Amino acid sequence: MSIDRIGALLDGIAAALSCPVVLDDERQRLIAHTGHDVSADGVRVASILARGATPEIRSWFEQWGILEATEPVRTPADSERQIAPRWVVPLRHQGMLLGFVSILDHGELTREDLLPALESAGAIADALYVARRAEPRVSALLQFLVLPRRAGDDELAPDVAAMYPHAGRIAVVTFAGRAAGAGSDGAADLLAAVRHACRAFPAHTALYAAIDEGVAALVPLRPDGVTGPAIRLAESVVAGTTETSDIVAGVSSGEWDAESAARAYGESIRALRISLADPSSPAISTWDRAGAFRALTLLPVAGAVDPIDPRVRALLLHPQLARTVETFLDSAGDAGATAMRLQIHRATLYQRLARVDELCALDIKRSGDDRLAAHVGLRLAALANGRHVG
């Protein structure tokens, strides 16, 4: 059953009960809604705009037992949170919770009035289950496309075109939390957010899977390879997972197709490492705008040969001085801007740079080569200290 058919069932419920109706997944992320007036319920308006409920609102509804319910649950009004009264109908298939149909009835409908909704809820739950049942195949296909091939893989499925319907350009987006070990709830929430974002694309063209400690999504693009759709998917997921620690994303270029998806995945992993390397960096890094990091992510950060200048290694033993040098270099050597960013006097800045020269033999003020060695070394150190993904 397609999302259009689900929409028709929701419209039927809304018409039969003369009420607005909302369909959310099991983590209260919006799937579909009817076109009735929404002005009576501020939370519904916000969820439509944000594509899901905030953590606070999720907790508010969960207090009424909707996660455990097998029958409709009446939730009251809350004027402070702009929540109108409603019936929340849990959608289950063989006991598995798949989502909720919410009926905004202004407190007027009885349990007996909900019969049209209950009849359609079973069909909606079946449709959601069919989509969820396909998830292992979606995950297996994505992993086949992006991970190193094992012996026998090419014999099993040599024709990617027969496996994946989008023949044009693709991009890969990889997500992870800045902090390792977010827990099963955090991992499930991230996967649910990616699943939800992938629903915006034509059926079977956006793939997603949990890989290692992250989640990857393969996104279809237009023939020109512009990565806007992938970036918007990343923005949607990052904005919708505020309760699962600090989610970051790496977006590949749009130069690849499904046959070369492994290369796109590699780019997305390297872009992701940029955001993981620095807590102050943007949550979404794109390979097309990786700048100097584009080359640095290709260098080994550990091994028999240390790529970091030993003078920079010495600098790293003095965190305050290292941060001062990095800020100075990131500010293109502008002393005034550096002092402002560090909230220190310019004289203090010069004293610290002199101290760097004294301790580490790095003349940051005058030597372009020393500046380059320091900047490259500090960024490589940040990449090495970031979480390993992929």
Protein backbone atom coordinates (compact mmCIF):
# COMPACT_ATOMS: atom_id res chain seq x y z
CA MET A 1 0.00 0.00 0.00
CA SER A 2 1.47 3.36 -1.05
CA ILE A 3 1.58 6.55 0.95
CA ASP A 4 -1.15 7.84 -1.38
CA ARG A 5 -3.42 4.98 -0.29
CA ILE A 6 -2.63 5.71 3.35
CA GLY A 7 -3.50 9.36 2.70
CA ALA A 8 -6.83 8.29 1.26
CA LEU A 9 -7.58 6.23 4.38
CA LEU A 10 -6.73 9.21 6.60
CA ASP A 11 -9.00 11.45 4.49
CA GLY A 12 -11.76 8.88 4.91
CA ILE A 13 -11.36 8.93 8.70
CA ALA A 14 -11.37 12.73 8.71
CA ALA A 15 -14.50 12.88 6.57
CA ALA A 16 -16.36 10.27 8.62
CA LEU A 17 -15.54 11.94 11.95
CA SER A 18 -15.38 15.57 10.73
CA CYS A 19 -12.02 15.98 12.50
CA PRO A 20 -8.42 16.64 11.51
CA VAL A 21 -6.31 13.48 11.54
CA VAL A 22 -2.55 13.01 11.87
CA LEU A 23 -0.44 9.92 11.22
CA ASP A 24 2.86 9.66 13.13
CA ASP A 25 5.41 6.87 13.33
CA GLU A 26 6.19 5.12 16.61
CA ARG A 27 8.58 7.94 17.64
CA GLN A 28 5.96 10.60 16.90
CA ARG A 29 7.50 11.76 13.61
CA LEU A 30 4.95 13.02 11.13
CA ILE A 31 4.13 10.72 8.22
CA ALA A 32 0.94 12.29 6.87
CA HIS A 33 -1.95 14.55 7.84
CA THR A 34 -5.31 15.59 6.47
CA GLY A 35 -6.06 19.05 5.12
CA HIS A 36 -8.51 20.17 7.80
CA ASP A 37 -8.06 23.39 9.74
CA VAL A 38 -5.17 23.15 12.21
CA SER A 39 -5.59 26.41 14.09
CA ALA A 40 -7.09 24.72 17.15
CA ASP A 41 -3.93 22.84 17.97
CA GLY A 42 -0.58 24.64 18.08
CA VAL A 43 1.34 21.41 18.65
CA ARG A 44 -0.04 19.95 15.45
CA VAL A 45 0.99 23.03 13.48
CA ALA A 46 4.49 22.84 14.96
CA SER A 47 4.80 19.12 14.25
CA ILE A 48 3.82 19.64 10.61
CA LEU A 49 6.36 22.42 10.21
CA ALA A 50 9.12 20.51 12.03
CA ARG A 51 8.12 17.06 10.69
CA GLY A 52 7.73 15.69 14.21
CA ALA A 53 7.15 16.32 17.90
CA THR A 54 9.77 17.83 20.18
CA PRO A 55 11.20 15.65 22.96
CA GLU A 56 9.11 17.56 25.52
CA ILE A 57 5.89 16.95 23.60
CA ARG A 58 6.78 13.32 23.00
CA SER A 59 7.19 12.83 26.75
CA TRP A 60 3.91 14.63 27.42
CA PHE A 61 1.96 12.23 25.22
CA GLU A 62 3.86 9.17 26.43
CA GLN A 63 2.79 9.88 30.02
CA TRP A 64 -0.72 8.80 29.04
CA GLY A 65 0.48 5.30 28.17
CA ILE A 66 0.32 5.49 24.37
CA LEU A 67 3.46 3.36 23.96
CA GLU A 68 1.90 0.43 25.79
CA ALA A 69 -1.70 0.89 24.63
CA THR A 70 -3.54 -1.55 22.39
CA GLU A 71 -6.77 0.49 22.37
CA PRO A 72 -7.45 4.20 21.69
CA VAL A 73 -6.19 6.55 24.39
CA ARG A 74 -7.96 9.79 25.26
CA THR A 75 -5.42 12.57 25.93
CA PRO A 76 -6.64 15.83 27.49
CA ALA A 77 -6.12 19.42 26.50
CA ASP A 78 -3.12 21.40 27.73
CA SER A 79 -3.56 25.09 27.07
CA GLU A 80 -0.03 25.96 28.19
CA ARG A 81 1.45 23.66 25.52
CA GLN A 82 -1.30 24.48 22.98
CA ILE A 83 -2.44 20.86 22.89
CA ALA A 84 -6.03 20.19 21.95
CA PRO A 85 -7.86 17.10 23.26
CA ARG A 86 -7.67 14.07 21.00
CA TRP A 87 -7.95 10.35 20.61
CA VAL A 88 -4.65 8.59 19.96
CA VAL A 89 -5.11 5.26 18.18
CA PRO A 90 -2.02 3.00 18.38
CA LEU A 91 -1.14 1.16 15.17
CA ARG A 92 0.11 -2.35 15.85
CA HIS A 93 0.85 -5.40 13.73
CA GLN A 94 1.24 -8.65 15.65
CA GLY A 95 1.96 -6.58 18.74
CA MET A 96 4.64 -4.39 17.10
CA LEU A 97 3.98 -0.66 17.56
CA LEU A 98 4.32 1.09 14.19
CA GLY A 99 2.74 4.47 14.79
CA PHE A 100 -0.30 6.45 15.87
CA VAL A 101 -3.38 7.98 14.30
CA SER A 102 -4.37 11.09 16.23
CA ILE A 103 -7.94 12.40 15.92
CA LEU A 104 -8.37 16.01 17.02
CA ASP A 105 -12.01 15.91 18.10
CA HIS A 106 -12.21 18.85 20.58
CA GLY A 107 -13.20 16.26 23.20
CA GLU A 108 -16.55 15.55 21.49
CA LEU A 109 -16.25 11.96 20.26
CA THR A 110 -16.91 8.89 22.37
CA ARG A 111 -15.08 5.60 22.16
CA GLU A 112 -17.99 4.18 20.16
CA ASP A 113 -17.75 7.03 17.63
CA LEU A 114 -14.26 5.87 16.62
CA LEU A 115 -15.39 2.79 14.67
CA PRO A 116 -14.46 4.26 11.22
CA ALA A 117 -11.02 5.09 12.54
CA LEU A 118 -10.49 1.64 14.03
CA GLU A 119 -11.51 -0.08 10.80
CA SER A 120 -8.99 1.94 8.79
CA ALA A 121 -6.28 1.77 11.45
CA GLY A 122 -5.78 -1.93 10.81
CA ALA A 123 -5.17 -1.32 7.10
CA ILE A 124 -2.77 1.53 7.86
CA ALA A 125 -0.87 -0.64 10.36
CA ASP A 126 -0.60 -3.41 7.76
CA ALA A 127 0.84 -0.93 5.24
CA LEU A 128 3.39 0.37 7.71
CA TYR A 129 4.37 -3.20 8.58
CA VAL A 130 4.94 -4.09 4.93
CA ALA A 131 7.23 -1.06 4.61
CA ARG A 132 9.07 -2.00 7.81
CA ARG A 133 9.39 -5.62 6.73
CA ALA A 134 11.19 -4.43 3.60
CA GLU A 135 13.76 -2.58 5.73
CA PRO A 136 16.25 -5.50 6.02
CA ARG A 137 16.30 -5.77 2.21
CA VAL A 138 16.81 -2.00 1.90
CA SER A 139 19.64 -2.19 4.42
CA ALA A 140 21.24 -5.19 2.72
CA LEU A 141 21.15 -3.47 -0.68
CA LEU A 142 22.74 -0.30 0.65
CA GLN A 143 25.48 -2.24 2.42
CA PHE A 144 26.11 -4.24 -0.75
CA LEU A 145 26.51 -1.01 -2.71
CA VAL A 146 28.75 0.90 -0.30
CA LEU A 147 30.83 -1.65 1.61
CA PRO A 148 33.85 -3.57 0.28
CA ARG A 149 32.75 -6.57 -1.71
CA ARG A 150 33.30 -10.01 -0.28
CA ALA A 151 34.12 -13.15 -2.22
CA GLY A 152 31.02 -14.30 -4.06
CA ASP A 153 29.15 -11.00 -3.89
CA ASP A 154 29.62 -10.26 -7.58
CA GLU A 155 28.28 -13.69 -8.46
CA LEU A 156 25.19 -13.16 -6.31
CA ALA A 157 24.20 -9.75 -7.67
CA PRO A 158 26.41 -8.47 -10.50
CA ASP A 159 23.74 -6.26 -12.06
CA VAL A 160 23.26 -3.22 -9.83
CA ALA A 161 20.84 -1.70 -12.34
CA ALA A 162 18.47 -4.61 -11.76
CA MET A 163 18.69 -4.14 -7.98
CA TYR A 164 18.35 -0.37 -7.72
CA PRO A 165 15.81 1.58 -9.84
CA HIS A 166 17.46 5.03 -9.97
CA ALA A 167 19.88 5.16 -12.90
CA GLY A 168 21.16 8.71 -12.36
CA ARG A 169 23.49 10.42 -9.92
CA ILE A 170 23.43 9.65 -6.19
CA ALA A 171 24.95 10.99 -3.00
CA VAL A 172 25.57 9.28 0.31
CA VAL A 173 25.00 10.90 3.70
CA THR A 174 26.47 9.32 6.84
CA PHE A 175 25.31 10.24 10.35
CA ALA A 176 26.84 9.66 13.78
CA GLY A 177 26.79 11.14 17.27
CA ARG A 178 29.75 13.25 18.37
CA ALA A 179 29.88 11.14 21.55
CA ALA A 180 30.32 7.39 21.20
CA GLY A 181 27.92 4.98 22.89
CA ALA A 182 24.68 6.95 22.62
CA GLY A 183 22.81 3.78 23.64
CA SER A 184 20.13 1.73 21.94
CA ASP A 185 17.48 4.45 22.24
CA GLY A 186 19.76 6.98 20.58
CA ALA A 187 20.67 4.58 17.78
CA ALA A 188 17.01 3.68 17.23
CA ASP A 189 16.01 7.33 17.19
CA LEU A 190 18.69 8.16 14.62
CA LEU A 191 17.66 5.27 12.39
CA ALA A 192 14.00 6.30 12.72
CA ALA A 193 14.88 9.88 11.77
CA VAL A 194 16.76 8.73 8.66
CA ARG A 195 13.95 6.35 7.73
CA HIS A 196 11.48 9.18 8.05
CA ALA A 197 13.55 11.59 5.95
CA CYS A 198 13.92 8.98 3.20
CA ARG A 199 10.14 8.87 2.79
CA ALA A 200 10.37 12.21 0.96
CA PHE A 201 11.91 10.44 -2.07
CA PRO A 202 10.24 8.23 -4.69
CA ALA A 203 9.65 4.67 -3.55
CA HIS A 204 12.74 2.43 -3.37
CA THR A 205 15.18 5.18 -4.42
CA ALA A 206 16.40 6.37 -1.01
CA LEU A 207 18.16 3.60 0.89
CA TYR A 208 19.27 3.59 4.52
CA ALA A 209 21.06 1.28 6.91
CA ALA A 210 22.81 1.23 10.27
CA ILE A 211 26.52 0.66 9.63
CA ASP A 212 28.97 0.37 12.52
CA GLU A 213 28.08 3.17 14.98
CA GLY A 214 26.33 5.36 12.41
CA VAL A 215 23.55 5.39 9.85
CA ALA A 216 24.08 5.88 6.12
CA ALA A 217 21.56 7.00 3.51
CA LEU A 218 21.86 6.80 -0.27
CA VAL A 219 19.97 9.69 -1.88
CA PRO A 220 18.89 9.96 -5.54
CA LEU A 221 19.88 13.19 -7.30
CA ARG A 222 18.96 14.94 -10.51
CA PRO A 223 21.13 14.35 -13.60
CA ASP A 224 23.21 17.47 -12.81
CA GLY A 225 24.41 15.87 -9.56
CA VAL A 226 23.54 18.89 -7.39
CA THR A 227 23.60 17.61 -3.81
CA GLY A 228 20.80 19.83 -2.47
CA PRO A 229 18.43 16.88 -1.81
CA ALA A 230 21.11 15.09 0.21
CA ILE A 231 21.92 18.22 2.21
CA ARG A 232 18.23 18.79 2.95
CA LEU A 233 17.91 15.19 4.14
CA ALA A 234 20.91 15.75 6.42
CA GLU A 235 19.38 18.96 7.77
CA SER A 236 16.07 17.20 8.45
CA VAL A 237 17.73 14.38 10.38
CA VAL A 238 20.11 16.58 12.37
CA ALA A 239 17.28 18.94 13.33
CA GLY A 240 14.99 16.07 14.29
CA THR A 241 17.33 14.15 16.62
CA THR A 242 17.98 16.72 19.33
CA GLU A 243 17.44 14.20 22.11
CA THR A 244 20.00 11.67 20.93
CA SER A 245 23.12 13.65 21.78
CA ASP A 246 24.86 15.73 19.16
CA ILE A 247 24.20 14.30 15.69
CA VAL A 248 26.52 15.25 12.83
CA ALA A 249 26.53 14.32 9.15
CA GLY A 250 28.91 14.01 6.22
CA VAL A 251 27.63 14.48 2.66
CA SER A 252 29.42 13.12 -0.40
CA SER A 253 29.73 14.86 -3.73
CA GLY A 254 27.17 14.14 -6.44
CA GLU A 255 29.63 12.72 -8.94
CA TRP A 256 28.64 9.08 -8.51
CA ASP A 257 25.96 6.59 -9.50
CA ALA A 258 24.85 3.38 -7.81
CA GLU A 259 27.67 1.42 -9.44
CA SER A 260 30.20 3.68 -7.70
CA ALA A 261 28.29 4.21 -4.45
CA ALA A 262 31.23 2.87 -2.44
CA ARG A 263 33.24 5.93 -3.49
CA ALA A 264 30.41 8.22 -2.45
CA TYR A 265 30.26 6.46 0.90
CA GLY A 266 33.99 6.97 1.37
CA GLU A 267 33.59 10.70 0.72
CA SER A 268 30.72 10.93 3.20
CA ILE A 269 32.78 9.17 5.89
CA ARG A 270 35.69 11.56 5.35
CA ALA A 271 33.33 14.55 5.45
CA LEU A 272 31.79 13.18 8.65
CA ARG A 273 35.23 12.96 10.26
CA ILE A 274 35.55 16.74 9.84
CA SER A 275 32.50 17.39 12.01
CA LEU A 276 33.58 14.75 14.52
CA ALA A 277 37.05 16.30 14.79
CA ASP A 278 35.94 19.63 16.22
CA PRO A 279 32.92 20.18 18.53
CA SER A 280 32.68 23.76 17.28
CA SER A 281 32.49 22.76 13.62
CA PRO A 282 29.17 22.73 11.72
CA ALA A 283 26.97 19.71 12.25
CA ILE A 284 26.90 19.00 8.50
CA SER A 285 30.12 18.77 6.50
CA THR A 286 30.06 18.36 2.72
CA TRP A 287 32.86 16.84 0.69
CA ASP A 288 32.45 19.55 -1.95
CA ARG A 289 33.25 22.22 0.67
CA ALA A 290 35.82 20.32 2.73
CA GLY A 291 38.58 22.81 1.90
CA ALA A 292 42.00 21.86 3.28
CA PHE A 293 40.42 18.98 5.19
CA ARG A 294 39.74 17.33 1.82
CA ALA A 295 43.42 16.50 1.48
CA LEU A 296 44.04 16.00 5.19
CA THR A 297 41.39 13.30 5.54
CA LEU A 298 43.29 11.25 2.95
CA LEU A 299 46.48 11.26 5.03
CA PRO A 300 47.18 8.55 7.62
CA VAL A 301 46.84 9.80 11.18
CA ALA A 302 48.62 6.81 12.72
CA GLY A 303 51.24 4.34 11.62
CA ALA A 304 54.96 3.85 11.33
CA VAL A 305 55.49 7.38 9.97
CA ASP A 306 54.02 10.29 11.92
CA PRO A 307 52.64 12.91 9.47
CA ILE A 308 52.58 15.59 12.19
CA ASP A 309 55.67 17.79 12.54
CA PRO A 310 57.42 17.00 15.87
CA ARG A 311 57.34 20.71 16.76
CA VAL A 312 53.54 20.55 16.51
CA ARG A 313 53.56 17.44 18.70
CA ALA A 314 55.40 19.54 21.27
CA LEU A 315 52.82 22.30 20.87
CA LEU A 316 50.00 19.84 21.54
CA LEU A 317 51.41 19.30 25.03
CA HIS A 318 50.30 22.89 25.80
CA PRO A 319 46.54 23.02 25.06
CA GLN A 320 46.14 26.76 25.69
CA LEU A 321 48.99 27.61 23.34
CA ALA A 322 47.73 25.13 20.73
CA ARG A 323 44.26 26.70 20.81
CA THR A 324 45.81 30.16 20.51
CA VAL A 325 47.84 29.15 17.46
CA GLU A 326 44.89 27.42 15.81
CA THR A 327 42.62 30.43 16.36
CA PHE A 328 45.31 32.77 15.01
CA LEU A 329 45.74 30.64 11.89
CA ASP A 330 41.98 30.19 11.41
CA SER A 331 41.74 34.00 11.57
CA ALA A 332 44.26 34.31 8.71
CA GLY A 333 46.85 35.84 11.06
CA ASP A 334 44.58 38.74 12.07
CA ALA A 335 45.75 39.57 15.59
CA GLY A 336 42.74 41.73 16.43
CA ALA A 337 40.24 39.08 15.33
CA THR A 338 42.18 36.38 17.17
CA ALA A 339 42.28 38.37 20.41
CA MET A 340 38.54 39.03 20.14
CA ARG A 341 37.71 35.37 19.56
CA LEU A 342 39.88 34.28 22.47
CA GLN A 343 38.73 37.20 24.64
CA ILE A 344 42.29 38.22 25.50
CA HIS A 345 44.33 41.39 25.07
CA ARG A 346 46.39 41.64 21.90
CA ALA A 347 49.57 41.91 24.03
CA THR A 348 48.66 38.58 25.64
CA LEU A 349 48.32 37.05 22.20
CA TYR A 350 51.79 38.17 21.20
CA GLN A 351 53.21 36.86 24.47
CA ARG A 352 51.67 33.44 23.80
CA LEU A 353 53.00 33.33 20.23
CA ALA A 354 56.45 34.22 21.51
CA ARG A 355 56.14 31.42 24.04
CA VAL A 356 55.28 29.01 21.19
CA ASP A 357 58.49 30.02 19.42
CA GLU A 358 60.46 29.55 22.63
CA LEU A 359 59.02 26.14 23.55
CA CYS A 360 58.39 24.58 20.13
CA ALA A 361 60.62 26.46 17.66
CA LEU A 362 57.56 27.50 15.65
CA ASP A 363 57.69 31.11 14.44
CA ILE A 364 53.97 31.58 13.87
CA LYS A 365 54.22 35.36 13.45
CA ARG A 366 56.80 35.43 10.64
CA SER A 367 57.33 32.04 8.98
CA GLY A 368 54.81 30.92 6.38
CA ASP A 369 56.26 27.39 6.43
CA ASP A 370 55.92 27.18 10.21
CA ARG A 371 52.34 28.42 9.93
CA LEU A 372 51.55 25.74 7.34
CA ALA A 373 53.19 23.00 9.41
CA ALA A 374 51.27 24.10 12.50
CA HIS A 375 47.91 24.39 10.76
CA VAL A 376 48.22 21.02 9.02
CA GLY A 377 49.49 19.33 12.19
CA LEU A 378 46.75 20.73 14.41
CA ARG A 379 44.04 19.65 11.99
CA LEU A 380 45.52 16.19 11.59
CA ALA A 381 45.61 15.89 15.38
CA ALA A 382 41.93 16.87 15.52
CA LEU A 383 41.07 14.22 12.92
CA ALA A 384 43.06 11.62 14.85
CA ASN A 385 41.26 12.48 18.09
CA GLY A 386 37.80 12.39 16.50
CA ARG A 387 35.71 9.25 16.64
CA HIS A 388 36.55 6.50 14.16
CA VAL A 389 33.62 5.92 11.80
CA GLY A 390 33.40 3.62 8.84
